[in-house]
C-alpha atoms as a PDB file:
ATOM      1  CA  MET A   1       0.000   0.000   0.000  1.00  0.00           C
ATOM      2  CA  LYS A   2       1.217   3.478  -0.838  1.00  0.00           C
ATOM      3  CA  THR A   3       1.584   5.912   2.073  1.00  0.00           C
ATOM      4  CA  ILE A   4       0.669   9.600   1.832  1.00  0.00           C
ATOM      5  CA  TRP A   5       2.281  11.792   4.504  1.00  0.00           C
ATOM      6  CA  THR A   6       0.693  15.091   5.555  1.00  0.00           C
ATOM      7  CA  HIS A   7       1.190  17.580   8.372  1.00  0.00           C
ATOM      8  CA  ASN A   8      -0.091  20.813   9.892  1.00  0.00           C
ATOM      9  CA  HIS A   9       1.920  22.688  12.515  1.00  0.00           C
ATOM     10  CA  PHE A  10      -0.922  25.053  13.412  1.00  0.00           C
ATOM     11  CA  ASN A  11      -4.016  25.065  15.580  1.00  0.00           C
ATOM     12  CA  LEU A  12      -6.798  22.582  16.197  1.00  0.00           C
ATOM     13  CA  GLY A  13      -9.237  24.168  13.748  1.00  0.00           C
ATOM     14  CA  ASP A  14      -6.682  24.056  10.909  1.00  0.00           C
ATOM     15  CA  ASN A  15      -6.193  20.344  11.486  1.00  0.00           C
ATOM     16  CA  LEU A  16      -9.903  19.558  11.860  1.00  0.00           C
ATOM     17  CA  LEU A  17     -10.715  21.235   8.555  1.00  0.00           C
ATOM     18  CA  PHE A  18      -8.078  19.184   6.744  1.00  0.00           C
ATOM     19  CA  LEU A  19      -9.117  15.932   8.458  1.00  0.00           C
ATOM     20  CA  HIS A  20     -12.624  16.408   7.074  1.00  0.00           C
ATOM     21  CA  LEU A  21     -11.109  16.309   3.578  1.00  0.00           C
ATOM     22  CA  LEU A  22      -8.759  13.457   4.458  1.00  0.00           C
ATOM     23  CA  ARG A  23     -11.630  11.311   5.730  1.00  0.00           C
ATOM     24  CA  SER A  24     -13.383  11.546   2.389  1.00  0.00           C
ATOM     25  CA  ILE A  25     -10.249  10.808   0.372  1.00  0.00           C
ATOM     26  CA  ALA A  26      -9.210   7.889   2.581  1.00  0.00           C
ATOM     27  CA  LYS A  27     -12.637   6.252   2.362  1.00  0.00           C
ATOM     28  CA  SER A  28     -12.415   6.401  -1.438  1.00  0.00           C
ATOM     29  CA  HIS A  29      -8.854   5.026  -1.525  1.00  0.00           C
ATOM     30  CA  PRO A  30      -8.625   2.064   0.852  1.00  0.00           C
ATOM     31  CA  ASP A  31      -5.473   0.918  -0.963  1.00  0.00           C
ATOM     32  CA  HIS A  32      -3.527   3.874   0.532  1.00  0.00           C
ATOM     33  CA  TRP A  33      -2.266   4.645   4.027  1.00  0.00           C
ATOM     34  CA  PHE A  34      -2.642   8.243   5.154  1.00  0.00           C
ATOM     35  CA  VAL A  35      -0.429   9.440   8.006  1.00  0.00           C
ATOM     36  CA  HIS A  36      -1.031  12.943   9.369  1.00  0.00           C
ATOM     37  CA  PHE A  37       1.302  14.742  11.793  1.00  0.00           C
ATOM     38  CA  CYS A  38       0.076  17.381  14.248  1.00  0.00           C
ATOM     39  CA  ALA A  39       1.006  18.893  17.594  1.00  0.00           C
ATOM     40  CA  GLY A  40       0.615  16.418  20.435  1.00  0.00           C
ATOM     41  CA  CYS A  41      -2.151  18.465  22.088  1.00  0.00           C
ATOM     42  CA  HIS A  42      -4.410  17.963  19.046  1.00  0.00           C
ATOM     43  CA  ALA A  43      -3.835  14.252  18.485  1.00  0.00           C
ATOM     44  CA  ASP A  44      -6.714  12.885  20.586  1.00  0.00           C
ATOM     45  CA  ALA A  45      -9.270  15.175  18.932  1.00  0.00           C
ATOM     46  CA  LEU A  46      -8.097  14.134  15.468  1.00  0.00           C
ATOM     47  CA  ARG A  47      -8.122  10.447  16.401  1.00  0.00           C
ATOM     48  CA  ASP A  48     -11.708  10.833  17.638  1.00  0.00           C
ATOM     49  CA  MET A  49     -12.569  12.185  14.213  1.00  0.00           C
ATOM     50  CA  THR A  50     -10.995   9.303  12.280  1.00  0.00           C
ATOM     51  CA  ARG A  51     -11.554   6.185  14.421  1.00  0.00           C
ATOM     52  CA  ASP A  52     -13.868   4.590  11.867  1.00  0.00           C
ATOM     53  CA  ILE A  53     -11.336   4.841   9.014  1.00  0.00           C
ATOM     54  CA  PRO A  54      -8.564   2.242   9.435  1.00  0.00           C
ATOM     55  CA  ASN A  55      -6.222   3.653   6.793  1.00  0.00           C
ATOM     56  CA  ILE A  56      -5.771   7.018   8.559  1.00  0.00           C
ATOM     57  CA  LEU A  57      -3.103   7.252  11.240  1.00  0.00           C
ATOM     58  CA  ILE A  58      -2.500  10.305  13.433  1.00  0.00           C
ATOM     59  CA  ASP A  59       1.054  10.877  14.622  1.00  0.00           C
ATOM     60  CA  THR A  60       2.700  13.824  16.342  1.00  0.00           C
ATOM     61  CA  PHE A  61       5.816  15.861  15.750  1.00  0.00           C
ATOM     62  CA  ASP A  62       7.071  14.396  19.031  1.00  0.00           C
ATOM     63  CA  MET A  63       7.723  11.177  17.103  1.00  0.00           C
ATOM     64  CA  ARG A  64      11.050  12.687  16.123  1.00  0.00           C
ATOM     65  CA  SER A  65      12.652   9.705  14.383  1.00  0.00           C
ATOM     66  CA  LEU A  66       9.608   9.099  12.176  1.00  0.00           C
ATOM     67  CA  TRP A  67       8.915  12.785  11.491  1.00  0.00           C
ATOM     68  CA  ASP A  68      12.557  13.500  10.642  1.00  0.00           C
ATOM     69  CA  ASN A  69      12.495  10.654   8.112  1.00  0.00           C
ATOM     70  CA  VAL A  70       9.400  11.859   6.242  1.00  0.00           C
ATOM     71  CA  LYS A  71       9.261  15.639   6.707  1.00  0.00           C
ATOM     72  CA  ASP A  72      10.870  16.318   3.326  1.00  0.00           C
ATOM     73  CA  VAL A  73       8.092  14.427   1.497  1.00  0.00           C
ATOM     74  CA  SER A  74       5.183  15.311   3.801  1.00  0.00           C
ATOM     75  CA  ILE A  75       2.538  17.667   2.366  1.00  0.00           C
ATOM     76  CA  ASP A  76       1.903  20.844   4.347  1.00  0.00           C
ATOM     77  CA  THR A  77      -1.871  21.217   4.685  1.00  0.00           C
ATOM     78  CA  TRP A  78      -1.839  24.626   6.412  1.00  0.00           C
ATOM     79  CA  LYS A  79      -4.050  27.156   4.640  1.00  0.00           C
ATOM     80  CA  ASN A  80      -1.071  29.460   3.977  1.00  0.00           C
ATOM     81  CA  ALA A  81       1.381  26.733   3.005  1.00  0.00           C
ATOM     82  CA  GLY A  82       4.321  27.992   0.980  1.00  0.00           C
ATOM     83  CA  ALA A  83       4.764  31.240   2.902  1.00  0.00           C
ATOM     84  CA  GLY A  84       8.252  32.320   3.905  1.00  0.00           C
ATOM     85  CA  ASN A  85      11.563  33.491   2.449  1.00  0.00           C
ATOM     86  CA  GLY A  86       9.806  36.389   0.768  1.00  0.00           C
ATOM     87  CA  LYS A  87       7.143  34.169  -0.836  1.00  0.00           C
ATOM     88  CA  LEU A  88       3.395  34.561  -0.383  1.00  0.00           C
ATOM     89  CA  GLY A  89       1.540  31.536   0.903  1.00  0.00           C
ATOM     90  CA  PHE A  90      -1.559  29.974  -0.613  1.00  0.00           C
ATOM     91  CA  TRP A  91      -3.997  31.964   1.534  1.00  0.00           C
ATOM     92  CA  GLU A  92      -2.202  35.241   0.802  1.00  0.00           C
ATOM     93  CA  ARG A  93      -2.402  34.587  -2.948  1.00  0.00           C
ATOM     94  CA  SER A  94      -6.038  33.506  -3.004  1.00  0.00           C
ATOM     95  CA  GLN A  95      -8.770  35.824  -4.286  1.00  0.00           C
ATOM     96  CA  PHE A  96     -11.092  34.039  -1.819  1.00  0.00           C
ATOM     97  CA  ARG A  97      -8.950  34.503   1.299  1.00  0.00           C
ATOM     98  CA  TRP A  98     -11.733  36.378   3.151  1.00  0.00           C
ATOM     99  CA  ASP A  99     -14.497  34.060   1.919  1.00  0.00           C
ATOM    100  CA  PHE A 100     -14.274  30.958   4.109  1.00  0.00           C
ATOM    101  CA  SER A 101     -16.460  28.623   2.039  1.00  0.00           C
ATOM    102  CA  ASN A 102     -15.000  29.405  -1.367  1.00  0.00           C
ATOM    103  CA  PHE A 103     -11.476  29.545   0.020  1.00  0.00           C
ATOM    104  CA  TYR A 104     -11.654  26.093   1.575  1.00  0.00           C
ATOM    105  CA  LEU A 105     -13.194  24.584  -1.537  1.00  0.00           C
ATOM    106  CA  GLU A 106     -10.226  26.049  -3.435  1.00  0.00           C
ATOM    107  CA  HIS A 107      -7.699  25.032  -0.788  1.00  0.00           C
ATOM    108  CA  HIS A 108      -9.038  21.486  -0.507  1.00  0.00           C
ATOM    109  CA  ALA A 109      -8.815  21.116  -4.285  1.00  0.00           C
ATOM    110  CA  TRP A 110      -5.179  22.312  -4.209  1.00  0.00           C
ATOM    111  CA  THR A 111      -4.288  20.075  -1.269  1.00  0.00           C
ATOM    112  CA  ALA A 112      -5.928  17.024  -2.828  1.00  0.00           C
ATOM    113  CA  ARG A 113      -4.028  17.591  -6.109  1.00  0.00           C
ATOM    114  CA  ARG A 114      -0.734  17.672  -4.216  1.00  0.00           C
ATOM    115  CA  MET A 115      -1.712  14.353  -2.633  1.00  0.00           C
ATOM    116  CA  GLY A 116      -2.444  12.931  -6.102  1.00  0.00           C
ATOM    117  CA  PHE A 117      -6.242  13.014  -5.864  1.00  0.00           C
ATOM    118  CA  LYS A 118      -9.249  15.092  -6.850  1.00  0.00           C
ATOM    119  CA  SER A 119     -11.145  16.841  -4.072  1.00  0.00           C
ATOM    120  CA  PRO A 120     -14.648  15.434  -3.544  1.00  0.00           C
ATOM    121  CA  PHE A 121     -15.823  18.820  -2.214  1.00  0.00           C
ATOM    122  CA  VAL A 122     -17.338  21.082  -4.865  1.00  0.00           C
ATOM    123  CA  ILE A 123     -20.139  22.983  -3.054  1.00  0.00           C
ATOM    124  CA  LYS A 124     -20.102  24.649   0.349  1.00  0.00           C
ATOM    125  CA  GLU A 125     -22.469  22.068   1.847  1.00  0.00           C
ATOM    126  CA  HIS A 126     -19.671  19.523   1.378  1.00  0.00           C
ATOM    127  CA  LEU A 127     -17.703  21.410   4.041  1.00  0.00           C
ATOM    128  CA  LEU A 128     -20.182  20.343   6.727  1.00  0.00           C
ATOM    129  CA  PHE A 129     -18.652  17.758   9.061  1.00  0.00           C
ATOM    130  CA  ASP A 130     -20.317  14.350   8.921  1.00  0.00           C
ATOM    131  CA  TYR A 131     -18.382  11.688  10.845  1.00  0.00           C
ATOM    132  CA  PRO A 132     -20.134   9.076  13.055  1.00  0.00           C
ATOM    133  CA  GLY A 133     -19.244  10.654  16.407  1.00  0.00           C
ATOM    134  CA  LEU A 134     -21.504  13.607  15.579  1.00  0.00           C
ATOM    135  CA  GLU A 135     -24.696  11.588  15.168  1.00  0.00           C
ATOM    136  CA  ASN A 136     -27.709  13.024  16.969  1.00  0.00           C
ATOM    137  CA  LYS A 137     -28.488  10.821  19.970  1.00  0.00           C
ATOM    138  CA  GLY A 138     -31.548  12.415  21.517  1.00  0.00           C
ATOM    139  CA  ASP A 139     -33.833  15.372  22.012  1.00  0.00           C
ATOM    140  CA  TYR A 140     -32.832  18.838  23.143  1.00  0.00           C
ATOM    141  CA  VAL A 141     -31.276  19.010  26.598  1.00  0.00           C
ATOM    142  CA  PHE A 142     -30.263  22.702  26.643  1.00  0.00           C
ATOM    143  CA  ASP A 143     -31.658  25.841  25.108  1.00  0.00           C
ATOM    144  CA  PHE A 144     -28.212  27.272  24.318  1.00  0.00           C
ATOM    145  CA  LEU A 145     -24.814  25.823  23.508  1.00  0.00           C
ATOM    146  CA  ILE A 146     -22.291  28.644  23.930  1.00  0.00           C
ATOM    147  CA  ILE A 147     -18.778  28.121  22.618  1.00  0.00           C
ATOM    148  CA  ASN A 148     -16.868  30.687  24.653  1.00  0.00           C
ATOM    149  CA  SER A 149     -13.437  29.095  24.230  1.00  0.00           C
ATOM    150  CA  GLU A 150     -10.860  31.706  23.263  1.00  0.00           C
ATOM    151  CA  PRO A 151      -9.606  31.459  19.655  1.00  0.00           C
ATOM    152  CA  CYS A 152      -5.888  31.035  19.021  1.00  0.00           C
ATOM    153  CA  SER A 153      -5.593  32.690  15.607  1.00  0.00           C
ATOM    154  CA  GLY A 154      -7.111  36.111  16.161  1.00  0.00           C
ATOM    155  CA  GLN A 155     -10.550  35.242  14.810  1.00  0.00           C
ATOM    156  CA  PHE A 156     -12.332  37.393  17.387  1.00  0.00           C
ATOM    157  CA  GLY A 157     -10.352  40.380  18.610  1.00  0.00           C
ATOM    158  CA  PRO A 158     -12.026  40.997  21.998  1.00  0.00           C
ATOM    159  CA  MET A 159     -11.011  37.497  23.118  1.00  0.00           C
ATOM    160  CA  LYS A 160      -7.342  37.603  22.095  1.00  0.00           C
ATOM    161  CA  GLN A 161      -6.577  38.132  25.774  1.00  0.00           C
ATOM    162  CA  HIS A 162      -7.377  34.707  27.149  1.00  0.00           C
ATOM    163  CA  GLY A 163      -9.351  34.649  30.373  1.00  0.00           C
ATOM    164  CA  SER A 164     -10.993  37.986  29.604  1.00  0.00           C
ATOM    165  CA  GLY A 165     -14.501  36.713  30.309  1.00  0.00           C
ATOM    166  CA  TYR A 166     -15.678  38.871  27.433  1.00  0.00           C
ATOM    167  CA  LEU A 167     -18.933  36.951  26.902  1.00  0.00           C
ATOM    168  CA  ASP A 168     -19.763  36.439  30.572  1.00  0.00           C
ATOM    169  CA  GLU A 169     -22.327  39.252  30.836  1.00  0.00           C
ATOM    170  CA  LEU A 170     -24.249  38.060  27.782  1.00  0.00           C
ATOM    171  CA  ILE A 171     -24.148  34.459  29.025  1.00  0.00           C
ATOM    172  CA  LEU A 172     -25.467  35.556  32.422  1.00  0.00           C
ATOM    173  CA  ASP A 173     -28.329  37.403  30.747  1.00  0.00           C
ATOM    174  CA  LEU A 174     -29.231  34.378  28.629  1.00  0.00           C
ATOM    175  CA  ALA A 175     -29.075  32.108  31.690  1.00  0.00           C
ATOM    176  CA  LYS A 176     -31.828  34.165  33.357  1.00  0.00           C
ATOM    177  CA  ARG A 177     -34.346  32.793  30.852  1.00  0.00           C
ATOM    178  CA  HIS A 178     -32.735  29.736  29.301  1.00  0.00           C
ATOM    179  CA  SER A 179     -30.804  26.588  30.125  1.00  0.00           C
ATOM    180  CA  VAL A 180     -27.233  27.166  28.954  1.00  0.00           C
ATOM    181  CA  ILE A 181     -24.167  25.007  28.510  1.00  0.00           C
ATOM    182  CA  THR A 182     -20.760  26.544  27.796  1.00  0.00           C
ATOM    183  CA  THR A 183     -17.399  25.193  26.667  1.00  0.00           C
ATOM    184  CA  SER A 184     -15.432  27.290  29.191  1.00  0.00           C
ATOM    185  CA  LYS A 185     -16.244  28.290  32.746  1.00  0.00           C
ATOM    186  CA  VAL A 186     -18.157  31.530  33.168  1.00  0.00           C
ATOM    187  CA  GLY A 187     -16.606  33.525  35.989  1.00  0.00           C
ATOM    188  CA  ASN A 188     -18.116  32.484  39.320  1.00  0.00           C
ATOM    189  CA  LEU A 189     -21.439  31.516  37.818  1.00  0.00           C
ATOM    190  CA  PRO A 190     -22.982  28.595  39.740  1.00  0.00           C
ATOM    191  CA  CYS A 191     -23.242  25.435  37.674  1.00  0.00           C
ATOM    192  CA  THR A 192     -26.948  25.213  38.495  1.00  0.00           C
ATOM    193  CA  ARG A 193     -27.567  28.321  36.391  1.00  0.00           C
ATOM    194  CA  ALA A 194     -25.241  27.676  33.484  1.00  0.00           C
ATOM    195  CA  PRO A 195     -23.356  24.388  33.523  1.00  0.00           C
ATOM    196  CA  PHE A 196     -20.019  24.500  31.784  1.00  0.00           C
ATOM    197  CA  VAL A 197     -18.391  21.784  29.728  1.00  0.00           C
ATOM    198  CA  ALA A 198     -15.477  20.627  31.837  1.00  0.00           C
ATOM    199  CA  ASN A 199     -14.287  17.527  30.002  1.00  0.00           C
ATOM    200  CA  LEU A 200     -16.044  17.238  26.647  1.00  0.00           C
ATOM    201  CA  SER A 201     -13.910  16.595  23.580  1.00  0.00           C
ATOM    202  CA  VAL A 202     -14.517  18.638  20.438  1.00  0.00           C
ATOM    203  CA  THR A 203     -16.362  15.656  18.955  1.00  0.00           C
ATOM    204  CA  GLU A 204     -18.605  15.498  22.019  1.00  0.00           C
ATOM    205  CA  ILE A 205     -19.233  19.242  21.690  1.00  0.00           C
ATOM    206  CA  GLY A 206     -20.231  18.652  18.071  1.00  0.00           C
ATOM    207  CA  GLN A 207     -22.605  15.873  19.103  1.00  0.00           C
ATOM    208  CA  MET A 208     -24.024  17.996  21.928  1.00  0.00           C
ATOM    209  CA  SER A 209     -24.722  20.778  19.427  1.00  0.00           C
ATOM    210  CA  SER A 210     -27.524  18.689  17.935  1.00  0.00           C
ATOM    211  CA  ARG A 211     -29.128  18.555  21.368  1.00  0.00           C
ATOM    212  CA  CYS A 212     -29.148  22.330  21.954  1.00  0.00           C
ATOM    213  CA  GLN A 213     -31.833  24.528  20.390  1.00  0.00           C
ATOM    214  CA  HIS A 214     -29.604  27.571  19.818  1.00  0.00           C
ATOM    215  CA  HIS A 215     -25.877  28.114  19.333  1.00  0.00           C
ATOM    216  CA  LEU A 216     -23.720  31.145  20.146  1.00  0.00           C
ATOM    217  CA  MET A 217     -20.184  30.388  19.024  1.00  0.00           C
ATOM    218  CA  VAL A 218     -16.855  32.173  18.976  1.00  0.00           C
ATOM    219  CA  ALA A 219     -15.071  31.067  15.805  1.00  0.00           C
ATOM    220  CA  SER A 220     -12.496  28.655  17.234  1.00  0.00           C
ATOM    221  CA  GLY A 221     -11.492  24.998  17.008  1.00  0.00           C
ATOM    222  CA  PRO A 222     -14.386  23.681  19.166  1.00  0.00           C
ATOM    223  CA  MET A 223     -16.885  25.381  16.829  1.00  0.00           C
ATOM    224  CA  TRP A 224     -16.043  23.385  13.717  1.00  0.00           C
ATOM    225  CA  PRO A 225     -17.632  20.023  14.621  1.00  0.00           C
ATOM    226  CA  THR A 226     -20.912  21.881  15.298  1.00  0.00           C
ATOM    227  CA  ILE A 227     -20.903  22.854  11.614  1.00  0.00           C
ATOM    228  CA  ASN A 228     -22.222  19.432  10.700  1.00  0.00           C
ATOM    229  CA  THR A 229     -24.889  17.794   8.588  1.00  0.00           C
ATOM    230  CA  HIS A 230     -27.188  17.275  11.588  1.00  0.00           C
ATOM    231  CA  ASN A 231     -27.342  21.045  12.162  1.00  0.00           C
ATOM    232  CA  ASN A 232     -27.686  22.029   8.512  1.00  0.00           C
ATOM    233  CA  HIS A 233     -31.334  22.972   8.536  1.00  0.00           C
ATOM    234  CA  ASN A 234     -33.448  25.740   9.972  1.00  0.00           C
ATOM    235  CA  ARG A 235     -35.508  24.289  12.788  1.00  0.00           C
ATOM    236  CA  SER A 236     -38.443  26.394  13.830  1.00  0.00           C
ATOM    237  CA  GLY A 237     -37.385  29.166  16.183  1.00  0.00           C
ATOM    238  CA  ARG A 238     -33.714  28.228  15.998  1.00  0.00           C
ATOM    239  CA  MET A 239     -30.802  30.699  16.138  1.00  0.00           C
ATOM    240  CA  ARG A 240     -27.165  29.936  15.295  1.00  0.00           C
ATOM    241  CA  ILE A 241     -24.661  32.788  15.707  1.00  0.00           C
ATOM    242  CA  ALA A 242     -20.924  32.798  15.000  1.00  0.00           C
ATOM    243  CA  LEU A 243     -18.735  35.596  16.420  1.00  0.00           C
ATOM    244  CA  LEU A 244     -15.962  36.546  14.001  1.00  0.00           C
ATOM    245  CA  ASP A 245     -14.404  39.951  13.384  1.00  0.00           C
ATOM    246  CA  ASN A 246     -11.178  39.388  11.403  1.00  0.00           C
ATOM    247  CA  GLY A 247     -12.788  40.290   8.070  1.00  0.00           C
ATOM    248  CA  GLU A 248     -13.523  36.717   7.033  1.00  0.00           C
ATOM    249  CA  GLN A 249     -17.032  35.791   5.918  1.00  0.00           C
ATOM    250  CA  LEU A 250     -18.112  32.224   6.697  1.00  0.00           C
ATOM    251  CA  ASN A 251     -20.929  32.046   4.116  1.00  0.00           C
ATOM    252  CA  LEU A 252     -22.124  28.743   5.583  1.00  0.00           C
ATOM    253  CA  PRO A 253     -25.756  27.563   5.665  1.00  0.00           C
ATOM    254  CA  GLU A 254     -28.059  28.601   8.503  1.00  0.00           C
ATOM    255  CA  ILE A 255     -25.471  30.640  10.441  1.00  0.00           C
ATOM    256  CA  HIS A 256     -25.714  34.315  11.341  1.00  0.00           C
ATOM    257  CA  GLN A 257     -22.302  35.954  11.580  1.00  0.00           C
ATOM    258  CA  CYS A 258     -21.752  38.819  14.039  1.00  0.00           C
ATOM    259  CA  ALA A 259     -18.643  40.956  14.469  1.00  0.00           C
ATOM    260  CA  THR A 260     -19.443  42.243  17.988  1.00  0.00           C
ATOM    261  CA  VAL A 261     -21.214  41.014  21.076  1.00  0.00           C
ATOM    262  CA  ASP A 262     -23.574  44.005  20.816  1.00  0.00           C
ATOM    263  CA  GLU A 263     -24.567  42.898  17.312  1.00  0.00           C
ATOM    264  CA  ALA A 264     -25.235  39.387  18.651  1.00  0.00           C
ATOM    265  CA  ARG A 265     -27.229  40.803  21.552  1.00  0.00           C
ATOM    266  CA  GLN A 266     -29.397  42.856  19.185  1.00  0.00           C
ATOM    267  CA  LEU A 267     -30.065  39.819  17.027  1.00  0.00           C
ATOM    268  CA  LEU A 268     -31.042  37.756  20.061  1.00  0.00           C
ATOM    269  CA  CYS A 269     -33.367  40.538  21.220  1.00  0.00           C
ATOM    270  CA  ARG A 270     -35.044  40.736  17.817  1.00  0.00           C
ATOM    271  CA  GLU A 271     -35.693  37.006  17.989  1.00  0.00           C
ATOM    272  CA  GLY A 272     -37.204  37.321  21.469  1.00  0.00           C
ATOM    273  CA  LEU A 273     -34.411  35.328  23.117  1.00  0.00           C
ATOM    274  CA  LEU A 274     -33.249  38.131  25.413  1.00  0.00           C
END
């Protein structure tokens, strides 16, 4: 069997987005091994995402002897691969760099070609995550899932300073009327008012998203598995908000994008949720 080596030195979200593509390619090419290298802190999340596909292996850069042997032939799957030494990377050269959906369709096509394949993703709906761990396993258990984990790539400026508690006031207001679950602790808020997700993996967050009526999400790694096929429809009275202010437009189905917490608050008020 031929082995394809890939890697991504960057954050969880970067790796998750590539693994979605890799899953599809690996399922269509069972005669290949696919070995992907990432930072050790991301390995468990990526293994959760690929457990059902036996020809994908997740390794880490800590495996120095193996990584050193293959790094010259491994394909860099970072969105701005090729940057450095005065050269612009792929993202910097792209006309779609601020259009998430069209950019990743373009980037996946480029990445797949470098791997020797054709990308199976041709419309933005193909970007929706769809692996088994995300399957809906019950009715709603919370009114709101709030992804208040701080982003690591500057996606939402007010939360660049980790531990700022920037969304705490809005979460407290929502908790007065709704059951709320969050991905990070909210100040000194008692768990009886707004439980927080202490030990859920990103896959479990994605699965939980199908059991929460509304979503308020900072664009960060834990958000991506909630962008899945189970959530790709407009349930009656449902609101899904993504907070992103770096100039990028998600252009994904059934998601309202807000650049400020005040904008999100106004939208929630208009919908009668605050």
